[in-house]
Each structure stands twice: as structure tokens, then as C-alpha cells.
Amino acid sequence: MKVKIKNRGNGWVSGKCGDYTYEAKVYDDESKFGINGGRVSKMTMYDKNDNWVMNYDRGWDIEPDEDVVDCYANIIEVLENYKNVKW
């Protein structure tokens, strides 16, 4: 599934994957606060009705369920390899 990404500045990005939109804070380096020790320290995914379906803010508030896990995995892969973070 294709992941669209828009750089919003200060490490914040937003985009879309399938029927879901997301916002995330991406750092240049991996962190113990990131998802799986990675570069994404904050991320929220929304469904088409703007309901939260996943939220991570230096820890899990809402873990992705089986309905969103494919988009979530694709987004994380793209963000972990994203080289255009502008501070």
C-alpha cells in the first residue's frame, strides 16, 4: 500500500495510507522513546471519520489493531527511512 508523506517542518510529517491519515514526529536519529527504538517518537493514525485508530506518544496509548496494522507497518517503514526531515 502506497504511503503519501508531507513535510510540515520541525520534524513533523503528515500523510495518507489507504483509508487512513496520520501525523508523526520523526527525528534524525533513533531513540529509546521511538516506536521500536526508532526515529518516530509520536504518531497518530485516523480513520476516514477522524477517529483515532492508533496513537503513540513516547509510549503506546492506542496500539494498532488488525484492521490498521498493514498501513501502520507501511507508514513506519517509510518514516524510518525518510531522509527529508527539516528542522
PDB file of N, CA and C in Angstrom:
ATOM      1  N   MET A   1       0.841  -1.169   0.000  1.00  0.00           N
ATOM      2  CA  MET A   1       0.000   0.000   0.000  1.00  0.00           C
ATOM      3  C   MET A   1       0.894   1.242   0.000  1.00  0.00           C
ATOM      4  N   LYS A   2       0.598   2.184  -0.862  1.00  0.00           N
ATOM      5  CA  LYS A   2       1.425   3.377  -1.002  1.00  0.00           C
ATOM      6  C   LYS A   2       1.201   4.343   0.167  1.00  0.00           C
ATOM      7  N   VAL A   3       2.302   4.915   0.643  1.00  0.00           N
ATOM      8  CA  VAL A   3       2.259   5.887   1.730  1.00  0.00           C
ATOM      9  C   VAL A   3       2.588   7.260   1.155  1.00  0.00           C
ATOM     10  N   LYS A   4       1.672   8.207   1.342  1.00  0.00           N
ATOM     11  CA  LYS A   4       1.917   9.597   0.950  1.00  0.00           C
ATOM     12  C   LYS A   4       2.444  10.326   2.167  1.00  0.00           C
ATOM     13  N   ILE A   5       3.380  11.266   1.925  1.00  0.00           N
ATOM     14  CA  ILE A   5       4.007  11.976   3.032  1.00  0.00           C
ATOM     15  C   ILE A   5       4.191  13.441   2.680  1.00  0.00           C
ATOM     16  N   LYS A   6       3.937  14.305   3.660  1.00  0.00           N
ATOM     17  CA  LYS A   6       4.129  15.741   3.503  1.00  0.00           C
ATOM     18  C   LYS A   6       4.934  16.241   4.691  1.00  0.00           C
ATOM     19  N   ASN A   7       6.030  16.942   4.391  1.00  0.00           N
ATOM     20  CA  ASN A   7       6.864  17.502   5.447  1.00  0.00           C
ATOM     21  C   ASN A   7       6.248  18.809   5.922  1.00  0.00           C
ATOM     22  N   ARG A   8       5.962  18.897   7.229  1.00  0.00           N
ATOM     23  CA  ARG A   8       5.352  20.099   7.785  1.00  0.00           C
ATOM     24  C   ARG A   8       6.350  20.958   8.555  1.00  0.00           C
ATOM     25  N   GLY A   9       7.608  20.530   8.658  1.00  0.00           N
ATOM     26  CA  GLY A   9       8.634  21.291   9.355  1.00  0.00           C
ATOM     27  C   GLY A   9       8.802  20.848  10.797  1.00  0.00           C
ATOM     28  N   ASN A  10       9.962  21.164  11.359  1.00  0.00           N
ATOM     29  CA  ASN A  10      10.300  20.817  12.750  1.00  0.00           C
ATOM     30  C   ASN A  10      10.156  19.330  13.039  1.00  0.00           C
ATOM     31  N   GLY A  11      10.387  18.495  12.041  1.00  0.00           N
ATOM     32  CA  GLY A  11      10.312  17.054  12.223  1.00  0.00           C
ATOM     33  C   GLY A  11       8.916  16.468  12.096  1.00  0.00           C
ATOM     34  N   TRP A  12       7.905  17.320  11.925  1.00  0.00           N
ATOM     35  CA  TRP A  12       6.533  16.837  11.797  1.00  0.00           C
ATOM     36  C   TRP A  12       6.210  16.523  10.342  1.00  0.00           C
ATOM     37  N   VAL A  13       5.557  15.388  10.145  1.00  0.00           N
ATOM     38  CA  VAL A  13       5.092  14.986   8.822  1.00  0.00           C
ATOM     39  C   VAL A  13       3.633  14.538   8.948  1.00  0.00           C
ATOM     40  N   SER A  14       2.942  14.540   7.839  1.00  0.00           N
ATOM     41  CA  SER A  14       1.581  14.020   7.802  1.00  0.00           C
ATOM     42  C   SER A  14       1.392  13.335   6.464  1.00  0.00           C
ATOM     43  N   GLY A  15       0.339  12.561   6.354  1.00  0.00           N
ATOM     44  CA  GLY A  15       0.118  11.889   5.089  1.00  0.00           C
ATOM     45  C   GLY A  15      -1.056  10.947   5.137  1.00  0.00           C
ATOM     46  N   LYS A  16      -1.042  10.020   4.188  1.00  0.00           N
ATOM     47  CA  LYS A  16      -2.164   9.109   3.995  1.00  0.00           C
ATOM     48  C   LYS A  16      -1.645   7.747   3.561  1.00  0.00           C
ATOM     49  N   CYS A  17      -2.347   6.720   3.993  1.00  0.00           N
ATOM     50  CA  CYS A  17      -2.090   5.344   3.555  1.00  0.00           C
ATOM     51  C   CYS A  17      -3.447   4.655   3.507  1.00  0.00           C
ATOM     52  N   GLY A  18      -3.882   4.279   2.328  1.00  0.00           N
ATOM     53  CA  GLY A  18      -5.201   3.671   2.191  1.00  0.00           C
ATOM     54  C   GLY A  18      -6.281   4.628   2.666  1.00  0.00           C
ATOM     55  N   ASP A  19      -7.151   4.144   3.547  1.00  0.00           N
ATOM     56  CA  ASP A  19      -8.239   4.965   4.093  1.00  0.00           C
ATOM     57  C   ASP A  19      -7.831   5.726   5.355  1.00  0.00           C
ATOM     58  N   TYR A  20      -6.561   5.680   5.710  1.00  0.00           N
ATOM     59  CA  TYR A  20      -6.100   6.271   6.969  1.00  0.00           C
ATOM     60  C   TYR A  20      -5.190   7.472   6.727  1.00  0.00           C
ATOM     61  N   THR A  21      -5.308   8.465   7.600  1.00  0.00           N
ATOM     62  CA  THR A  21      -4.380   9.585   7.600  1.00  0.00           C
ATOM     63  C   THR A  21      -3.533   9.474   8.866  1.00  0.00           C
ATOM     64  N   TYR A  22      -2.388  10.162   8.861  1.00  0.00           N
ATOM     65  CA  TYR A  22      -1.505  10.094  10.020  1.00  0.00           C
ATOM     66  C   TYR A  22      -0.751  11.404  10.188  1.00  0.00           C
ATOM     67  N   GLU A  23      -0.259  11.600  11.395  1.00  0.00           N
ATOM     68  CA  GLU A  23       0.665  12.674  11.744  1.00  0.00           C
ATOM     69  C   GLU A  23       1.761  12.028  12.574  1.00  0.00           C
ATOM     70  N   ALA A  24       3.002  12.484  12.386  1.00  0.00           N
ATOM     71  CA  ALA A  24       4.098  11.877  13.131  1.00  0.00           C
ATOM     72  C   ALA A  24       5.229  12.869  13.351  1.00  0.00           C
ATOM     73  N   LYS A  25       5.962  12.651  14.426  1.00  0.00           N
ATOM     74  CA  LYS A  25       7.177  13.410  14.736  1.00  0.00           C
ATOM     75  C   LYS A  25       8.335  12.463  14.471  1.00  0.00           C
ATOM     76  N   VAL A  26       9.210  12.848  13.534  1.00  0.00           N
ATOM     77  CA  VAL A  26      10.313  11.990  13.110  1.00  0.00           C
ATOM     78  C   VAL A  26      11.629  12.702  13.406  1.00  0.00           C
ATOM     79  N   TYR A  27      12.520  12.014  14.096  1.00  0.00           N
ATOM     80  CA  TYR A  27      13.830  12.578  14.423  1.00  0.00           C
ATOM     81  C   TYR A  27      14.902  12.034  13.480  1.00  0.00           C
ATOM     82  N   ASP A  28      16.038  12.712  13.457  1.00  0.00           N
ATOM     83  CA  ASP A  28      17.152  12.297  12.606  1.00  0.00           C
ATOM     84  C   ASP A  28      17.761  10.976  13.070  1.00  0.00           C
ATOM     85  N   ASP A  29      17.719  10.732  14.384  1.00  0.00           N
ATOM     86  CA  ASP A  29      18.367   9.557  14.959  1.00  0.00           C
ATOM     87  C   ASP A  29      17.361   8.702  15.720  1.00  0.00           C
ATOM     88  N   GLU A  30      17.718   7.449  15.894  1.00  0.00           N
ATOM     89  CA  GLU A  30      16.886   6.545  16.677  1.00  0.00           C
ATOM     90  C   GLU A  30      16.900   6.968  18.138  1.00  0.00           C
ATOM     91  N   SER A  31      15.860   6.579  18.879  1.00  0.00           N
ATOM     92  CA  SER A  31      15.732   6.975  20.274  1.00  0.00           C
ATOM     93  C   SER A  31      15.064   5.874  21.079  1.00  0.00           C
ATOM     94  N   LYS A  32      15.389   5.811  22.352  1.00  0.00           N
ATOM     95  CA  LYS A  32      14.706   4.852  23.227  1.00  0.00           C
ATOM     96  C   LYS A  32      13.228   5.205  23.370  1.00  0.00           C
ATOM     97  N   PHE A  33      12.860   6.454  23.042  1.00  0.00           N
ATOM     98  CA  PHE A  33      11.463   6.885  23.107  1.00  0.00           C
ATOM     99  C   PHE A  33      10.701   6.608  21.816  1.00  0.00           C
ATOM    100  N   GLY A  34      11.407   6.220  20.752  1.00  0.00           N
ATOM    101  CA  GLY A  34      10.766   5.973  19.468  1.00  0.00           C
ATOM    102  C   GLY A  34      10.064   4.631  19.412  1.00  0.00           C
ATOM    103  N   ILE A  35       9.169   4.502  18.446  1.00  0.00           N
ATOM    104  CA  ILE A  35       8.492   3.220  18.238  1.00  0.00           C
ATOM    105  C   ILE A  35       9.541   2.181  17.887  1.00  0.00           C
ATOM    106  N   ASN A  36       9.585   1.100  18.657  1.00  0.00           N
ATOM    107  CA  ASN A  36      10.587   0.032  18.490  1.00  0.00           C
ATOM    108  C   ASN A  36      12.009   0.570  18.521  1.00  0.00           C
ATOM    109  N   GLY A  37      12.244   1.635  19.308  1.00  0.00           N
ATOM    110  CA  GLY A  37      13.584   2.221  19.410  1.00  0.00           C
ATOM    111  C   GLY A  37      14.001   2.973  18.158  1.00  0.00           C
ATOM    112  N   GLY A  38      13.045   3.355  17.342  1.00  0.00           N
ATOM    113  CA  GLY A  38      13.345   4.014  16.071  1.00  0.00           C
ATOM    114  C   GLY A  38      13.251   5.524  16.137  1.00  0.00           C
ATOM    115  N   ARG A  39      13.066   6.138  14.987  1.00  0.00           N
ATOM    116  CA  ARG A  39      13.079   7.592  14.824  1.00  0.00           C
ATOM    117  C   ARG A  39      11.729   8.258  15.051  1.00  0.00           C
ATOM    118  N   VAL A  40      10.647   7.496  15.078  1.00  0.00           N
ATOM    119  CA  VAL A  40       9.294   8.050  15.217  1.00  0.00           C
ATOM    120  C   VAL A  40       8.921   8.059  16.703  1.00  0.00           C
ATOM    121  N   SER A  41       8.865   9.262  17.295  1.00  0.00           N
ATOM    122  CA  SER A  41       8.577   9.338  18.738  1.00  0.00           C
ATOM    123  C   SER A  41       7.115   9.646  19.026  1.00  0.00           C
ATOM    124  N   LYS A  42       6.396  10.146  18.020  1.00  0.00           N
ATOM    125  CA  LYS A  42       4.971  10.432  18.170  1.00  0.00           C
ATOM    126  C   LYS A  42       4.294  10.102  16.849  1.00  0.00           C
ATOM    127  N   MET A  43       3.126   9.471  16.940  1.00  0.00           N
ATOM    128  CA  MET A  43       2.387   9.162  15.718  1.00  0.00           C
ATOM    129  C   MET A  43       0.936   8.884  16.074  1.00  0.00           C
ATOM    130  N   THR A  44       0.040   9.442  15.280  1.00  0.00           N
ATOM    131  CA  THR A  44      -1.387   9.192  15.415  1.00  0.00           C
ATOM    132  C   THR A  44      -1.939   8.839  14.045  1.00  0.00           C
ATOM    133  N   MET A  45      -2.767   7.818  13.997  1.00  0.00           N
ATOM    134  CA  MET A  45      -3.478   7.453  12.774  1.00  0.00           C
ATOM    135  C   MET A  45      -4.968   7.655  13.000  1.00  0.00           C
ATOM    136  N   TYR A  46      -5.651   8.146  11.943  1.00  0.00           N
ATOM    137  CA  TYR A  46      -7.083   8.412  11.990  1.00  0.00           C
ATOM    138  C   TYR A  46      -7.776   7.641  10.872  1.00  0.00           C
ATOM    139  N   ASP A  47      -9.009   7.218  11.141  1.00  0.00           N
ATOM    140  CA  ASP A  47      -9.796   6.617  10.067  1.00  0.00           C
ATOM    141  C   ASP A  47     -10.502   7.723   9.276  1.00  0.00           C
ATOM    142  N   LYS A  48     -11.321   7.342   8.297  1.00  0.00           N
ATOM    143  CA  LYS A  48     -11.954   8.345   7.441  1.00  0.00           C
ATOM    144  C   LYS A  48     -12.985   9.194   8.176  1.00  0.00           C
ATOM    145  N   ASN A  49     -13.360   8.791   9.396  1.00  0.00           N
ATOM    146  CA  ASN A  49     -14.275   9.586  10.225  1.00  0.00           C
ATOM    147  C   ASN A  49     -13.523  10.398  11.286  1.00  0.00           C
ATOM    148  N   ASP A  50     -12.214  10.499  11.140  1.00  0.00           N
ATOM    149  CA  ASP A  50     -11.328  11.209  12.074  1.00  0.00           C
ATOM    150  C   ASP A  50     -11.286  10.604  13.473  1.00  0.00           C
ATOM    151  N   ASN A  51     -11.581   9.313  13.587  1.00  0.00           N
ATOM    152  CA  ASN A  51     -11.424   8.610  14.862  1.00  0.00           C
ATOM    153  C   ASN A  51      -9.992   8.107  14.980  1.00  0.00           C
ATOM    154  N   TRP A  52      -9.409   8.220  16.166  1.00  0.00           N
ATOM    155  CA  TRP A  52      -8.068   7.686  16.378  1.00  0.00           C
ATOM    156  C   TRP A  52      -8.117   6.168  16.303  1.00  0.00           C
ATOM    157  N   VAL A  53      -7.224   5.588  15.520  1.00  0.00           N
ATOM    158  CA  VAL A  53      -7.134   4.130  15.442  1.00  0.00           C
ATOM    159  C   VAL A  53      -5.790   3.626  15.949  1.00  0.00           C
ATOM    160  N   MET A  54      -4.859   4.561  16.205  1.00  0.00           N
ATOM    161  CA  MET A  54      -3.545   4.231  16.722  1.00  0.00           C
ATOM    162  C   MET A  54      -2.926   5.513  17.259  1.00  0.00           C
ATOM    163  N   ASN A  55      -2.278   5.433  18.431  1.00  0.00           N
ATOM    164  CA  ASN A  55      -1.600   6.609  18.966  1.00  0.00           C
ATOM    165  C   ASN A  55      -0.391   6.183  19.789  1.00  0.00           C
ATOM    166  N   TYR A  56       0.739   6.809  19.481  1.00  0.00           N
ATOM    167  CA  TYR A  56       1.990   6.578  20.209  1.00  0.00           C
ATOM    168  C   TYR A  56       2.581   7.936  20.540  1.00  0.00           C
ATOM    169  N   ASP A  57       2.836   8.178  21.819  1.00  0.00           N
ATOM    170  CA  ASP A  57       3.452   9.423  22.263  1.00  0.00           C
ATOM    171  C   ASP A  57       4.502   9.064  23.307  1.00  0.00           C
ATOM    172  N   ARG A  58       5.671   8.629  22.790  1.00  0.00           N
ATOM    173  CA  ARG A  58       6.756   8.105  23.624  1.00  0.00           C
ATOM    174  C   ARG A  58       6.318   6.882  24.416  1.00  0.00           C
ATOM    175  N   GLY A  59       5.269   6.267  23.996  1.00  0.00           N
ATOM    176  CA  GLY A  59       4.689   5.069  24.580  1.00  0.00           C
ATOM    177  C   GLY A  59       3.319   4.857  23.961  1.00  0.00           C
ATOM    178  N   TRP A  60       2.790   3.639  24.072  1.00  0.00           N
ATOM    179  CA  TRP A  60       1.519   3.306  23.432  1.00  0.00           C
ATOM    180  C   TRP A  60       0.333   3.809  24.240  1.00  0.00           C
ATOM    181  N   ASP A  61      -0.531   4.574  23.574  1.00  0.00           N
ATOM    182  CA  ASP A  61      -1.833   4.946  24.111  1.00  0.00           C
ATOM    183  C   ASP A  61      -2.906   4.072  23.467  1.00  0.00           C
ATOM    184  N   ILE A  62      -2.809   3.907  22.142  1.00  0.00           N
ATOM    185  CA  ILE A  62      -3.703   3.030  21.382  1.00  0.00           C
ATOM    186  C   ILE A  62      -2.837   2.245  20.406  1.00  0.00           C
ATOM    187  N   GLU A  63      -2.698   0.948  20.614  1.00  0.00           N
ATOM    188  CA  GLU A  63      -1.904   0.118  19.710  1.00  0.00           C
ATOM    189  C   GLU A  63      -2.710  -0.207  18.460  1.00  0.00           C
ATOM    190  N   PRO A  64      -2.026  -0.350  17.311  1.00  0.00           N
ATOM    191  CA  PRO A  64      -2.749  -0.667  16.075  1.00  0.00           C
ATOM    192  C   PRO A  64      -3.366  -2.065  16.153  1.00  0.00           C
ATOM    193  N   ASP A  65      -4.623  -2.171  15.743  1.00  0.00           N
ATOM    194  CA  ASP A  65      -5.259  -3.486  15.720  1.00  0.00           C
ATOM    195  C   ASP A  65      -5.136  -4.090  14.327  1.00  0.00           C
ATOM    196  N   GLU A  66      -5.706  -5.253  14.147  1.00  0.00           N
ATOM    197  CA  GLU A  66      -5.540  -5.983  12.877  1.00  0.00           C
ATOM    198  C   GLU A  66      -6.110  -5.241  11.676  1.00  0.00           C
ATOM    199  N   ASP A  67      -7.052  -4.322  11.900  1.00  0.00           N
ATOM    200  CA  ASP A  67      -7.634  -3.566  10.788  1.00  0.00           C
ATOM    201  C   ASP A  67      -6.664  -2.544  10.204  1.00  0.00           C
ATOM    202  N   VAL A  68      -5.752  -2.031  11.023  1.00  0.00           N
ATOM    203  CA  VAL A  68      -4.860  -0.957  10.568  1.00  0.00           C
ATOM    204  C   VAL A  68      -3.395  -1.367  10.513  1.00  0.00           C
ATOM    205  N   VAL A  69      -3.081  -2.575  10.926  1.00  0.00           N
ATOM    206  CA  VAL A  69      -1.683  -2.965  11.085  1.00  0.00           C
ATOM    207  C   VAL A  69      -0.892  -2.908   9.772  1.00  0.00           C
ATOM    208  N   ASP A  70      -1.511  -3.216   8.646  1.00  0.00           N
ATOM    209  CA  ASP A  70      -0.781  -3.168   7.370  1.00  0.00           C
ATOM    210  C   ASP A  70      -0.382  -1.739   7.017  1.00  0.00           C
ATOM    211  N   CYS A  71      -1.319  -0.802   7.114  1.00  0.00           N
ATOM    212  CA  CYS A  71      -0.992   0.603   6.847  1.00  0.00           C
ATOM    213  C   CYS A  71       0.031   1.115   7.862  1.00  0.00           C
ATOM    214  N   TYR A  72      -0.171   0.774   9.131  1.00  0.00           N
ATOM    215  CA  TYR A  72       0.763   1.187  10.177  1.00  0.00           C
ATOM    216  C   TYR A  72       2.182   0.719   9.839  1.00  0.00           C
ATOM    217  N   ALA A  73       2.338  -0.552   9.492  1.00  0.00           N
ATOM    218  CA  ALA A  73       3.662  -1.098   9.168  1.00  0.00           C
ATOM    219  C   ALA A  73       4.281  -0.391   7.962  1.00  0.00           C
ATOM    220  N   ASN A  74       3.479  -0.114   6.951  1.00  0.00           N
ATOM    221  CA  ASN A  74       3.984   0.597   5.770  1.00  0.00           C
ATOM    222  C   ASN A  74       4.422   2.018   6.127  1.00  0.00           C
ATOM    223  N   ILE A  75       3.639   2.707   6.940  1.00  0.00           N
ATOM    224  CA  ILE A  75       3.983   4.071   7.340  1.00  0.00           C
ATOM    225  C   ILE A  75       5.286   4.071   8.131  1.00  0.00           C
ATOM    226  N   ILE A  76       5.412   3.172   9.100  1.00  0.00           N
ATOM    227  CA  ILE A  76       6.637   3.106   9.909  1.00  0.00           C
ATOM    228  C   ILE A  76       7.847   2.844   9.028  1.00  0.00           C
ATOM    229  N   GLU A  77       7.727   1.935   8.082  1.00  0.00           N
ATOM    230  CA  GLU A  77       8.852   1.637   7.187  1.00  0.00           C
ATOM    231  C   GLU A  77       9.274   2.883   6.410  1.00  0.00           C
ATOM    232  N   VAL A  78       8.308   3.615   5.871  1.00  0.00           N
ATOM    233  CA  VAL A  78       8.611   4.831   5.116  1.00  0.00           C
ATOM    234  C   VAL A  78       9.252   5.882   6.035  1.00  0.00           C
ATOM    235  N   LEU A  79       8.682   6.095   7.206  1.00  0.00           N
ATOM    236  CA  LEU A  79       9.199   7.138   8.092  1.00  0.00           C
ATOM    237  C   LEU A  79      10.585   6.807   8.636  1.00  0.00           C
ATOM    238  N   GLU A  80      10.846   5.552   8.922  1.00  0.00           N
ATOM    239  CA  GLU A  80      12.171   5.165   9.427  1.00  0.00           C
ATOM    240  C   GLU A  80      13.253   5.396   8.367  1.00  0.00           C
ATOM    241  N   ASN A  81      12.865   5.400   7.109  1.00  0.00           N
ATOM    242  CA  ASN A  81      13.828   5.623   6.020  1.00  0.00           C
ATOM    243  C   ASN A  81      13.729   7.015   5.415  1.00  0.00           C
ATOM    244  N   TYR A  82      12.902   7.853   5.981  1.00  0.00           N
ATOM    245  CA  TYR A  82      12.660   9.207   5.453  1.00  0.00           C
ATOM    246  C   TYR A  82      13.882  10.076   5.683  1.00  0.00           C
ATOM    247  N   LYS A  83      14.394  10.674   4.641  1.00  0.00           N
ATOM    248  CA  LYS A  83      15.639  11.462   4.734  1.00  0.00           C
ATOM    249  C   LYS A  83      15.415  12.950   4.648  1.00  0.00           C
ATOM    250  N   ASN A  84      14.166  13.409   4.535  1.00  0.00           N
ATOM    251  CA  ASN A  84      13.905  14.821   4.276  1.00  0.00           C
ATOM    252  C   ASN A  84      13.322  15.541   5.492  1.00  0.00           C
ATOM    253  N   VAL A  85      13.727  15.129   6.695  1.00  0.00           N
ATOM    254  CA  VAL A  85      13.235  15.790   7.904  1.00  0.00           C
ATOM    255  C   VAL A  85      13.879  17.168   7.983  1.00  0.00           C
ATOM    256  N   LYS A  86      13.060  18.206   8.049  1.00  0.00           N
ATOM    257  CA  LYS A  86      13.567  19.584   8.102  1.00  0.00           C
ATOM    258  C   LYS A  86      13.306  20.166   9.477  1.00  0.00           C
ATOM    259  N   TRP A  87      14.342  20.606  10.097  1.00  0.00           N
ATOM    260  CA  TRP A  87      14.217  21.236  11.408  1.00  0.00           C
ATOM    261  C   TRP A  87      14.339  22.689  11.186  1.00  0.00           C
TER     262      TRP A  87
END
